[in-house]
Amino acid sequence: MDLTERTLSSREIYSGKIVRLRLDEVRLPNGEIARREIIEHPGGVGILALDAEGRVPLVRQYRCAFSRVLTEIPAGKLEPGEQDPLSAARRELREEVGAEAARWDDLGTLLPSPGCYGEVLHLYLARNLTFGDRHPDPDEFLEVEYVSFHELLSRCMRDELHDAKTVAAVLKVHCLLG
């Protein structure tokens, strides 16, 4: 069975600094017509950085969508016209944690909410770290904490971390490093 939905029309509802919302009318595989609300996003990166002592720098920041502080791996969006996710990952690790990594491993991509959200997240493992000054964006207020990888994995399994990119990166690195 062909599961493809064919777009009949598309209308922009909102265009903001980061996302664009559009309303599509589609023909379903059974011939019926349906509406789809799609949020377009430029894409992003998430970095699980591992220092020489086996610790991972995490950032804590307030997330308006959930009205609370979340603990996450360093992350950020691709800038307009930015094609190389690894360059974005290097930038975000430097800005949020003040770290540079000599070794980068690609952990693949993640589709955070494919039912309506068009973001593709590129995940990386960064190792052989050196540290300098942090340079967060002017509207970015973060606290950095260092947690052993073992404790981070335990937090994931105890359902204490809820950010999808963080949980996915931790589990991927656990499988990768055994």
N, C-alpha and C. Protein backbone atom coordinates (compact mmCIF):
# COMPACT_ATOMS: atom_id res chain seq x y z
N MET A 1 0.84 -1.19 0.00
CA MET A 1 0.00 0.00 0.00
C MET A 1 0.88 1.24 0.00
N ASP A 2 0.56 2.18 -0.85
CA ASP A 2 1.26 3.46 -0.90
C ASP A 2 0.69 4.35 0.21
N LEU A 3 1.50 4.71 1.19
CA LEU A 3 1.06 5.52 2.33
C LEU A 3 1.26 7.02 2.11
N THR A 4 1.73 7.40 0.93
CA THR A 4 2.03 8.81 0.65
C THR A 4 0.78 9.67 0.67
N GLU A 5 0.90 10.82 1.34
CA GLU A 5 -0.14 11.84 1.29
C GLU A 5 0.32 12.89 0.29
N ARG A 6 -0.54 13.26 -0.63
CA ARG A 6 -0.19 14.21 -1.68
C ARG A 6 -0.73 15.60 -1.31
N THR A 7 0.19 16.58 -1.29
CA THR A 7 -0.19 17.95 -0.93
C THR A 7 -0.98 18.58 -2.08
N LEU A 8 -2.17 19.07 -1.75
CA LEU A 8 -3.02 19.74 -2.74
C LEU A 8 -2.85 21.25 -2.66
N SER A 9 -2.69 21.77 -1.46
CA SER A 9 -2.47 23.20 -1.27
C SER A 9 -1.71 23.42 0.03
N SER A 10 -1.05 24.56 0.11
CA SER A 10 -0.28 24.90 1.30
C SER A 10 -0.41 26.40 1.52
N ARG A 11 -0.69 26.79 2.77
CA ARG A 11 -0.89 28.20 3.09
C ARG A 11 -0.11 28.54 4.35
N GLU A 12 0.72 29.60 4.27
CA GLU A 12 1.46 30.04 5.44
C GLU A 12 0.51 30.73 6.41
N ILE A 13 0.58 30.33 7.67
CA ILE A 13 -0.25 30.90 8.73
C ILE A 13 0.57 31.89 9.56
N TYR A 14 1.84 31.55 9.79
CA TYR A 14 2.70 32.38 10.63
C TYR A 14 4.16 32.18 10.22
N SER A 15 4.93 33.26 10.25
CA SER A 15 6.35 33.18 10.00
C SER A 15 7.06 33.99 11.09
N GLY A 16 7.88 33.31 11.89
CA GLY A 16 8.57 33.96 12.99
C GLY A 16 10.07 33.91 12.83
N LYS A 17 10.76 34.24 13.91
CA LYS A 17 12.22 34.28 13.92
C LYS A 17 12.82 32.88 13.73
N ILE A 18 12.18 31.86 14.31
CA ILE A 18 12.73 30.51 14.24
C ILE A 18 11.87 29.56 13.42
N VAL A 19 10.55 29.63 13.58
CA VAL A 19 9.68 28.67 12.91
C VAL A 19 8.70 29.35 11.96
N ARG A 20 8.17 28.51 11.09
CA ARG A 20 7.11 28.92 10.15
C ARG A 20 6.00 27.88 10.30
N LEU A 21 4.75 28.33 10.39
CA LEU A 21 3.60 27.44 10.50
C LEU A 21 2.82 27.51 9.20
N ARG A 22 2.52 26.34 8.65
CA ARG A 22 1.71 26.31 7.44
C ARG A 22 0.58 25.30 7.61
N LEU A 23 -0.48 25.53 6.86
CA LEU A 23 -1.62 24.63 6.84
C LEU A 23 -1.69 24.00 5.45
N ASP A 24 -1.56 22.69 5.40
CA ASP A 24 -1.60 21.96 4.13
C ASP A 24 -2.91 21.20 4.02
N GLU A 25 -3.40 21.11 2.81
CA GLU A 25 -4.52 20.23 2.49
C GLU A 25 -3.93 19.09 1.69
N VAL A 26 -4.20 17.85 2.13
CA VAL A 26 -3.59 16.69 1.50
C VAL A 26 -4.65 15.67 1.09
N ARG A 27 -4.28 14.90 0.08
CA ARG A 27 -5.11 13.76 -0.30
C ARG A 27 -4.51 12.53 0.35
N LEU A 28 -5.33 11.83 1.13
CA LEU A 28 -4.90 10.64 1.85
C LEU A 28 -4.83 9.44 0.91
N PRO A 29 -4.15 8.37 1.31
CA PRO A 29 -4.06 7.18 0.47
C PRO A 29 -5.43 6.61 0.06
N ASN A 30 -6.47 6.84 0.88
CA ASN A 30 -7.80 6.32 0.53
C ASN A 30 -8.60 7.29 -0.33
N GLY A 31 -7.98 8.42 -0.74
CA GLY A 31 -8.65 9.38 -1.60
C GLY A 31 -9.32 10.53 -0.86
N GLU A 32 -9.51 10.41 0.45
CA GLU A 32 -10.12 11.47 1.24
C GLU A 32 -9.17 12.66 1.37
N ILE A 33 -9.73 13.82 1.74
CA ILE A 33 -8.96 15.05 1.94
C ILE A 33 -8.83 15.29 3.44
N ALA A 34 -7.64 15.74 3.85
CA ALA A 34 -7.39 16.06 5.27
C ALA A 34 -6.52 17.31 5.35
N ARG A 35 -6.50 17.91 6.53
CA ARG A 35 -5.65 19.08 6.78
C ARG A 35 -4.48 18.66 7.66
N ARG A 36 -3.33 19.26 7.41
CA ARG A 36 -2.13 19.01 8.20
C ARG A 36 -1.53 20.36 8.62
N GLU A 37 -1.28 20.51 9.92
CA GLU A 37 -0.59 21.69 10.44
C GLU A 37 0.88 21.32 10.56
N ILE A 38 1.74 22.06 9.88
CA ILE A 38 3.16 21.75 9.82
C ILE A 38 3.97 22.94 10.34
N ILE A 39 4.87 22.66 11.28
CA ILE A 39 5.79 23.68 11.77
C ILE A 39 7.14 23.42 11.12
N GLU A 40 7.60 24.37 10.32
CA GLU A 40 8.91 24.25 9.68
C GLU A 40 9.96 24.83 10.62
N HIS A 41 11.10 24.18 10.70
CA HIS A 41 12.20 24.59 11.57
C HIS A 41 13.51 24.39 10.80
N PRO A 42 14.51 25.26 10.99
CA PRO A 42 15.75 25.13 10.20
C PRO A 42 16.61 23.94 10.57
N GLY A 43 16.29 23.25 11.66
CA GLY A 43 17.10 22.11 12.10
C GLY A 43 18.01 22.52 13.23
N GLY A 44 18.55 21.52 13.90
CA GLY A 44 19.40 21.83 15.05
C GLY A 44 20.41 20.74 15.32
N VAL A 45 21.16 20.96 16.39
CA VAL A 45 22.21 20.03 16.80
C VAL A 45 22.11 19.81 18.30
N GLY A 46 22.58 18.66 18.73
CA GLY A 46 22.71 18.33 20.15
C GLY A 46 24.04 17.64 20.35
N ILE A 47 24.74 18.02 21.42
CA ILE A 47 26.10 17.51 21.63
C ILE A 47 26.22 16.87 23.00
N LEU A 48 26.56 15.59 23.04
CA LEU A 48 26.94 14.95 24.29
C LEU A 48 28.46 15.03 24.33
N ALA A 49 28.98 15.89 25.20
CA ALA A 49 30.43 16.07 25.34
C ALA A 49 30.90 15.25 26.53
N LEU A 50 31.99 14.56 26.36
CA LEU A 50 32.51 13.67 27.40
C LEU A 50 33.94 14.10 27.70
N ASP A 51 34.19 14.52 28.97
CA ASP A 51 35.54 14.97 29.32
C ASP A 51 36.43 13.80 29.73
N ALA A 52 37.68 14.09 30.04
CA ALA A 52 38.66 13.04 30.33
C ALA A 52 38.31 12.23 31.58
N GLU A 53 37.50 12.82 32.49
CA GLU A 53 37.09 12.12 33.71
C GLU A 53 35.77 11.37 33.54
N GLY A 54 35.24 11.34 32.32
CA GLY A 54 33.96 10.65 32.08
C GLY A 54 32.75 11.46 32.49
N ARG A 55 32.92 12.78 32.61
CA ARG A 55 31.80 13.66 32.97
C ARG A 55 31.23 14.33 31.72
N VAL A 56 29.95 14.65 31.81
CA VAL A 56 29.23 15.28 30.71
C VAL A 56 28.74 16.65 31.17
N PRO A 57 29.08 17.73 30.43
CA PRO A 57 28.50 19.03 30.77
C PRO A 57 27.05 19.09 30.28
N LEU A 58 26.17 19.47 31.19
CA LEU A 58 24.74 19.65 30.86
C LEU A 58 24.38 21.10 31.10
N VAL A 59 23.38 21.57 30.38
CA VAL A 59 22.90 22.93 30.59
C VAL A 59 21.50 22.86 31.17
N ARG A 60 21.26 23.73 32.13
CA ARG A 60 19.93 23.87 32.73
C ARG A 60 19.41 25.22 32.28
N GLN A 61 18.21 25.22 31.70
CA GLN A 61 17.62 26.49 31.29
C GLN A 61 16.10 26.40 31.32
N TYR A 62 15.49 27.56 31.50
CA TYR A 62 14.04 27.66 31.55
C TYR A 62 13.49 27.48 30.15
N ARG A 63 12.48 26.64 30.01
CA ARG A 63 11.81 26.40 28.73
C ARG A 63 10.36 26.85 28.86
N CYS A 64 10.05 27.94 28.17
CA CYS A 64 8.71 28.55 28.25
C CYS A 64 7.60 27.58 27.89
N ALA A 65 7.83 26.73 26.88
CA ALA A 65 6.78 25.82 26.44
C ALA A 65 6.31 24.89 27.55
N PHE A 66 7.18 24.63 28.55
CA PHE A 66 6.84 23.73 29.64
C PHE A 66 6.82 24.43 31.00
N SER A 67 7.08 25.73 30.99
CA SER A 67 7.06 26.55 32.21
C SER A 67 7.92 25.97 33.33
N ARG A 68 9.11 25.50 32.95
CA ARG A 68 10.02 24.96 33.96
C ARG A 68 11.44 24.89 33.41
N VAL A 69 12.36 24.68 34.32
CA VAL A 69 13.77 24.50 33.96
C VAL A 69 13.98 23.05 33.56
N LEU A 70 14.64 22.85 32.42
CA LEU A 70 14.98 21.51 31.96
C LEU A 70 16.50 21.35 31.93
N THR A 71 16.95 20.14 32.11
CA THR A 71 18.36 19.79 32.00
C THR A 71 18.57 19.09 30.68
N GLU A 72 19.53 19.58 29.90
CA GLU A 72 19.73 19.09 28.54
C GLU A 72 21.21 19.05 28.19
N ILE A 73 21.54 18.32 27.13
CA ILE A 73 22.87 18.43 26.55
C ILE A 73 22.93 19.78 25.82
N PRO A 74 24.12 20.34 25.61
CA PRO A 74 24.22 21.57 24.83
C PRO A 74 23.61 21.36 23.44
N ALA A 75 22.93 22.39 22.96
CA ALA A 75 22.22 22.25 21.69
C ALA A 75 21.93 23.63 21.12
N GLY A 76 21.52 23.64 19.87
CA GLY A 76 21.12 24.90 19.24
C GLY A 76 20.62 24.66 17.85
N LYS A 77 20.11 25.73 17.27
CA LYS A 77 19.55 25.61 15.92
C LYS A 77 20.58 25.97 14.87
N LEU A 78 20.35 25.47 13.67
CA LEU A 78 21.18 25.86 12.54
C LEU A 78 20.81 27.30 12.19
N GLU A 79 21.81 28.10 11.87
CA GLU A 79 21.58 29.48 11.49
C GLU A 79 21.12 29.52 10.03
N PRO A 80 20.42 30.59 9.63
CA PRO A 80 19.97 30.69 8.22
C PRO A 80 21.14 30.51 7.26
N GLY A 81 20.97 29.61 6.31
CA GLY A 81 21.99 29.34 5.31
C GLY A 81 23.08 28.39 5.76
N GLU A 82 23.10 28.00 7.03
CA GLU A 82 24.12 27.10 7.55
C GLU A 82 23.81 25.68 7.09
N GLN A 83 24.73 25.09 6.36
CA GLN A 83 24.52 23.76 5.80
C GLN A 83 25.22 22.66 6.57
N ASP A 84 26.25 23.00 7.33
CA ASP A 84 27.06 22.00 8.00
C ASP A 84 26.69 21.88 9.47
N PRO A 85 25.96 20.83 9.85
CA PRO A 85 25.57 20.67 11.25
C PRO A 85 26.76 20.56 12.20
N LEU A 86 27.87 19.99 11.75
CA LEU A 86 29.04 19.87 12.63
C LEU A 86 29.58 21.24 13.01
N SER A 87 29.58 22.19 12.08
CA SER A 87 30.01 23.56 12.41
C SER A 87 29.09 24.16 13.46
N ALA A 88 27.80 23.91 13.33
CA ALA A 88 26.84 24.42 14.32
C ALA A 88 27.09 23.76 15.67
N ALA A 89 27.40 22.48 15.68
CA ALA A 89 27.67 21.77 16.93
C ALA A 89 28.91 22.34 17.60
N ARG A 90 29.95 22.59 16.83
CA ARG A 90 31.17 23.20 17.39
C ARG A 90 30.85 24.56 18.01
N ARG A 91 30.08 25.37 17.29
CA ARG A 91 29.69 26.70 17.78
C ARG A 91 28.90 26.61 19.08
N GLU A 92 27.91 25.74 19.12
CA GLU A 92 27.05 25.63 20.30
C GLU A 92 27.82 25.12 21.52
N LEU A 93 28.71 24.16 21.33
CA LEU A 93 29.50 23.65 22.45
C LEU A 93 30.39 24.76 23.02
N ARG A 94 30.97 25.56 22.13
CA ARG A 94 31.81 26.69 22.54
C ARG A 94 30.99 27.73 23.29
N GLU A 95 29.84 28.11 22.71
CA GLU A 95 29.01 29.15 23.31
C GLU A 95 28.45 28.74 24.66
N GLU A 96 27.86 27.55 24.73
CA GLU A 96 27.12 27.16 25.93
C GLU A 96 27.99 26.61 27.05
N VAL A 97 29.07 25.91 26.70
CA VAL A 97 29.89 25.24 27.70
C VAL A 97 31.31 25.81 27.76
N GLY A 98 31.74 26.48 26.69
CA GLY A 98 33.10 26.98 26.63
C GLY A 98 34.09 25.89 26.28
N ALA A 99 33.66 24.88 25.56
CA ALA A 99 34.53 23.74 25.25
C ALA A 99 34.78 23.61 23.76
N GLU A 100 35.97 23.10 23.46
CA GLU A 100 36.36 22.70 22.11
C GLU A 100 36.64 21.20 22.18
N ALA A 101 36.33 20.49 21.11
CA ALA A 101 36.56 19.04 21.08
C ALA A 101 37.49 18.70 19.92
N ALA A 102 38.46 17.83 20.18
CA ALA A 102 39.36 17.36 19.13
C ALA A 102 38.76 16.18 18.37
N ARG A 103 37.82 15.47 18.99
CA ARG A 103 37.21 14.30 18.34
C ARG A 103 35.70 14.46 18.33
N TRP A 104 35.11 14.24 17.16
CA TRP A 104 33.66 14.32 16.97
C TRP A 104 33.17 13.03 16.33
N ASP A 105 32.16 12.43 16.93
CA ASP A 105 31.52 11.25 16.36
C ASP A 105 30.07 11.59 16.05
N ASP A 106 29.65 11.27 14.84
CA ASP A 106 28.28 11.52 14.41
C ASP A 106 27.38 10.43 15.00
N LEU A 107 26.36 10.84 15.76
CA LEU A 107 25.42 9.88 16.36
C LEU A 107 24.13 9.74 15.56
N GLY A 108 24.06 10.41 14.40
CA GLY A 108 22.87 10.31 13.57
C GLY A 108 21.88 11.43 13.82
N THR A 109 20.70 11.25 13.30
CA THR A 109 19.68 12.30 13.39
C THR A 109 18.47 11.81 14.17
N LEU A 110 17.70 12.78 14.62
CA LEU A 110 16.50 12.53 15.41
C LEU A 110 15.39 13.43 14.88
N LEU A 111 14.20 12.87 14.72
CA LEU A 111 13.01 13.65 14.34
C LEU A 111 12.18 13.81 15.60
N PRO A 112 12.25 14.98 16.27
CA PRO A 112 11.65 15.12 17.60
C PRO A 112 10.15 14.88 17.67
N SER A 113 9.40 15.32 16.68
CA SER A 113 7.95 15.15 16.70
C SER A 113 7.43 15.17 15.27
N PRO A 114 7.62 14.07 14.53
CA PRO A 114 7.35 14.07 13.09
C PRO A 114 5.89 14.21 12.69
N GLY A 115 4.97 14.16 13.64
CA GLY A 115 3.56 14.33 13.30
C GLY A 115 3.22 15.74 12.83
N CYS A 116 4.00 16.74 13.28
CA CYS A 116 3.68 18.11 12.89
C CYS A 116 4.91 19.02 12.84
N TYR A 117 6.05 18.55 13.31
CA TYR A 117 7.21 19.41 13.50
C TYR A 117 8.33 18.98 12.56
N GLY A 118 8.76 19.87 11.66
CA GLY A 118 9.72 19.53 10.62
C GLY A 118 11.18 19.68 11.00
N GLU A 119 11.52 19.66 12.29
CA GLU A 119 12.92 19.79 12.70
C GLU A 119 13.66 18.47 12.58
N VAL A 120 14.90 18.54 12.09
CA VAL A 120 15.83 17.42 12.10
C VAL A 120 16.96 17.82 13.03
N LEU A 121 17.20 17.00 14.06
CA LEU A 121 18.28 17.24 15.01
C LEU A 121 19.45 16.32 14.69
N HIS A 122 20.63 16.88 14.59
CA HIS A 122 21.86 16.13 14.34
C HIS A 122 22.57 15.96 15.67
N LEU A 123 22.82 14.72 16.06
CA LEU A 123 23.44 14.44 17.36
C LEU A 123 24.90 14.06 17.20
N TYR A 124 25.72 14.54 18.15
CA TYR A 124 27.16 14.28 18.12
C TYR A 124 27.67 13.90 19.49
N LEU A 125 28.74 13.11 19.48
CA LEU A 125 29.54 12.84 20.66
C LEU A 125 30.84 13.61 20.48
N ALA A 126 31.15 14.47 21.45
CA ALA A 126 32.38 15.28 21.41
C ALA A 126 33.31 14.79 22.51
N ARG A 127 34.58 14.55 22.14
CA ARG A 127 35.56 14.07 23.12
C ARG A 127 36.88 14.81 22.95
N ASN A 128 37.81 14.52 23.86
CA ASN A 128 39.11 15.20 23.90
C ASN A 128 38.88 16.71 24.01
N LEU A 129 38.27 17.09 25.11
CA LEU A 129 37.82 18.46 25.32
C LEU A 129 38.90 19.34 25.93
N THR A 130 38.88 20.60 25.52
CA THR A 130 39.62 21.66 26.20
C THR A 130 38.60 22.75 26.50
N PHE A 131 38.81 23.44 27.62
CA PHE A 131 37.81 24.40 28.09
C PHE A 131 38.35 25.82 28.10
N GLY A 132 37.45 26.73 27.79
CA GLY A 132 37.73 28.17 27.82
C GLY A 132 36.50 28.89 28.32
N ASP A 133 36.32 30.12 27.84
CA ASP A 133 35.19 30.94 28.27
C ASP A 133 33.92 30.56 27.52
N ARG A 134 32.81 30.67 28.22
CA ARG A 134 31.48 30.48 27.61
C ARG A 134 31.06 31.80 26.97
N HIS A 135 30.24 31.71 25.91
CA HIS A 135 29.71 32.88 25.24
C HIS A 135 28.26 32.65 24.83
N PRO A 136 27.35 32.51 25.81
CA PRO A 136 25.94 32.28 25.44
C PRO A 136 25.36 33.46 24.69
N ASP A 137 24.31 33.19 23.92
CA ASP A 137 23.61 34.26 23.21
C ASP A 137 23.06 35.26 24.23
N PRO A 138 22.84 36.51 23.83
CA PRO A 138 22.35 37.53 24.77
C PRO A 138 21.03 37.17 25.46
N ASP A 139 20.18 36.40 24.79
CA ASP A 139 18.88 36.04 25.38
C ASP A 139 18.88 34.63 25.97
N GLU A 140 20.07 34.08 26.21
CA GLU A 140 20.21 32.71 26.68
C GLU A 140 20.78 32.72 28.10
N PHE A 141 20.02 32.20 29.04
CA PHE A 141 20.44 32.14 30.43
C PHE A 141 20.54 30.68 30.84
N LEU A 142 21.76 30.22 31.08
CA LEU A 142 22.03 28.82 31.33
C LEU A 142 22.87 28.64 32.58
N GLU A 143 22.71 27.50 33.20
CA GLU A 143 23.65 27.02 34.21
C GLU A 143 24.26 25.74 33.66
N VAL A 144 25.56 25.59 33.84
CA VAL A 144 26.24 24.38 33.38
C VAL A 144 26.54 23.52 34.60
N GLU A 145 26.23 22.24 34.49
CA GLU A 145 26.58 21.28 35.55
C GLU A 145 27.28 20.10 34.90
N TYR A 146 28.17 19.48 35.65
CA TYR A 146 28.91 18.31 35.16
C TYR A 146 28.45 17.08 35.92
N VAL A 147 28.11 16.05 35.16
CA VAL A 147 27.58 14.82 35.73
C VAL A 147 28.34 13.66 35.10
N SER A 148 28.66 12.66 35.90
CA SER A 148 29.33 11.49 35.33
C SER A 148 28.38 10.84 34.31
N PHE A 149 28.97 10.22 33.29
CA PHE A 149 28.13 9.59 32.28
C PHE A 149 27.27 8.51 32.93
N HIS A 150 27.83 7.77 33.87
CA HIS A 150 27.07 6.72 34.55
C HIS A 150 25.84 7.31 35.26
N GLU A 151 26.02 8.45 35.95
CA GLU A 151 24.89 9.10 36.63
C GLU A 151 23.88 9.63 35.61
N LEU A 152 24.37 10.15 34.50
CA LEU A 152 23.47 10.65 33.46
C LEU A 152 22.61 9.52 32.89
N LEU A 153 23.21 8.38 32.64
CA LEU A 153 22.46 7.22 32.18
C LEU A 153 21.42 6.81 33.22
N SER A 154 21.81 6.80 34.48
CA SER A 154 20.87 6.46 35.56
C SER A 154 19.70 7.43 35.62
N ARG A 155 19.98 8.73 35.44
CA ARG A 155 18.91 9.73 35.43
C ARG A 155 17.93 9.48 34.29
N CYS A 156 18.46 9.10 33.14
CA CYS A 156 17.58 8.77 32.00
C CYS A 156 16.67 7.60 32.35
N MET A 157 17.25 6.57 32.94
CA MET A 157 16.49 5.37 33.23
C MET A 157 15.51 5.56 34.39
N ARG A 158 15.78 6.54 35.25
CA ARG A 158 14.85 6.85 36.35
C ARG A 158 13.79 7.87 35.93
N ASP A 159 13.77 8.23 34.65
CA ASP A 159 12.79 9.18 34.10
C ASP A 159 12.95 10.57 34.74
N GLU A 160 14.18 10.96 35.00
CA GLU A 160 14.45 12.28 35.56
C GLU A 160 14.82 13.30 34.49
N LEU A 161 15.15 12.83 33.29
CA LEU A 161 15.46 13.71 32.16
C LEU A 161 14.39 13.49 31.10
N HIS A 162 13.81 14.57 30.60
CA HIS A 162 12.69 14.44 29.68
C HIS A 162 12.95 15.00 28.29
N ASP A 163 14.08 15.64 28.10
CA ASP A 163 14.42 16.20 26.80
C ASP A 163 14.80 15.07 25.85
N ALA A 164 14.09 14.98 24.73
CA ALA A 164 14.27 13.85 23.81
C ALA A 164 15.68 13.74 23.26
N LYS A 165 16.28 14.86 22.87
CA LYS A 165 17.62 14.77 22.30
C LYS A 165 18.64 14.30 23.32
N THR A 166 18.45 14.71 24.58
CA THR A 166 19.36 14.29 25.64
C THR A 166 19.24 12.80 25.89
N VAL A 167 18.03 12.31 26.04
CA VAL A 167 17.81 10.89 26.29
C VAL A 167 18.33 10.06 25.11
N ALA A 168 18.03 10.48 23.90
CA ALA A 168 18.49 9.73 22.72
C ALA A 168 20.02 9.70 22.65
N ALA A 169 20.66 10.84 22.88
CA ALA A 169 22.12 10.90 22.81
C ALA A 169 22.75 10.02 23.89
N VAL A 170 22.22 10.07 25.10
CA VAL A 170 22.76 9.26 26.19
C VAL A 170 22.65 7.77 25.85
N LEU A 171 21.50 7.35 25.37
CA LEU A 171 21.31 5.92 25.05
C LEU A 171 22.18 5.50 23.86
N LYS A 172 22.33 6.37 22.88
CA LYS A 172 23.19 6.05 21.74
C LYS A 172 24.64 5.92 22.18
N VAL A 173 25.10 6.86 23.01
CA VAL A 173 26.49 6.80 23.47
C VAL A 173 26.70 5.57 24.37
N HIS A 174 25.73 5.25 25.17
CA HIS A 174 25.82 4.04 26.01
C HIS A 174 26.01 2.80 25.12
N CYS A 175 25.24 2.72 24.05
CA CYS A 175 25.37 1.57 23.13
C CYS A 175 26.70 1.62 22.39
N LEU A 176 27.14 2.80 22.01
CA LEU A 176 28.38 2.96 21.25
C LEU A 176 29.61 2.60 22.09
N LEU A 177 29.62 3.07 23.33
CA LEU A 177 30.80 2.87 24.18
C LEU A 177 30.70 1.62 25.05
N GLY A 178 29.49 1.06 25.13
CA GLY A 178 29.28 -0.17 25.89
C GLY A 178 29.56 0.00 27.32
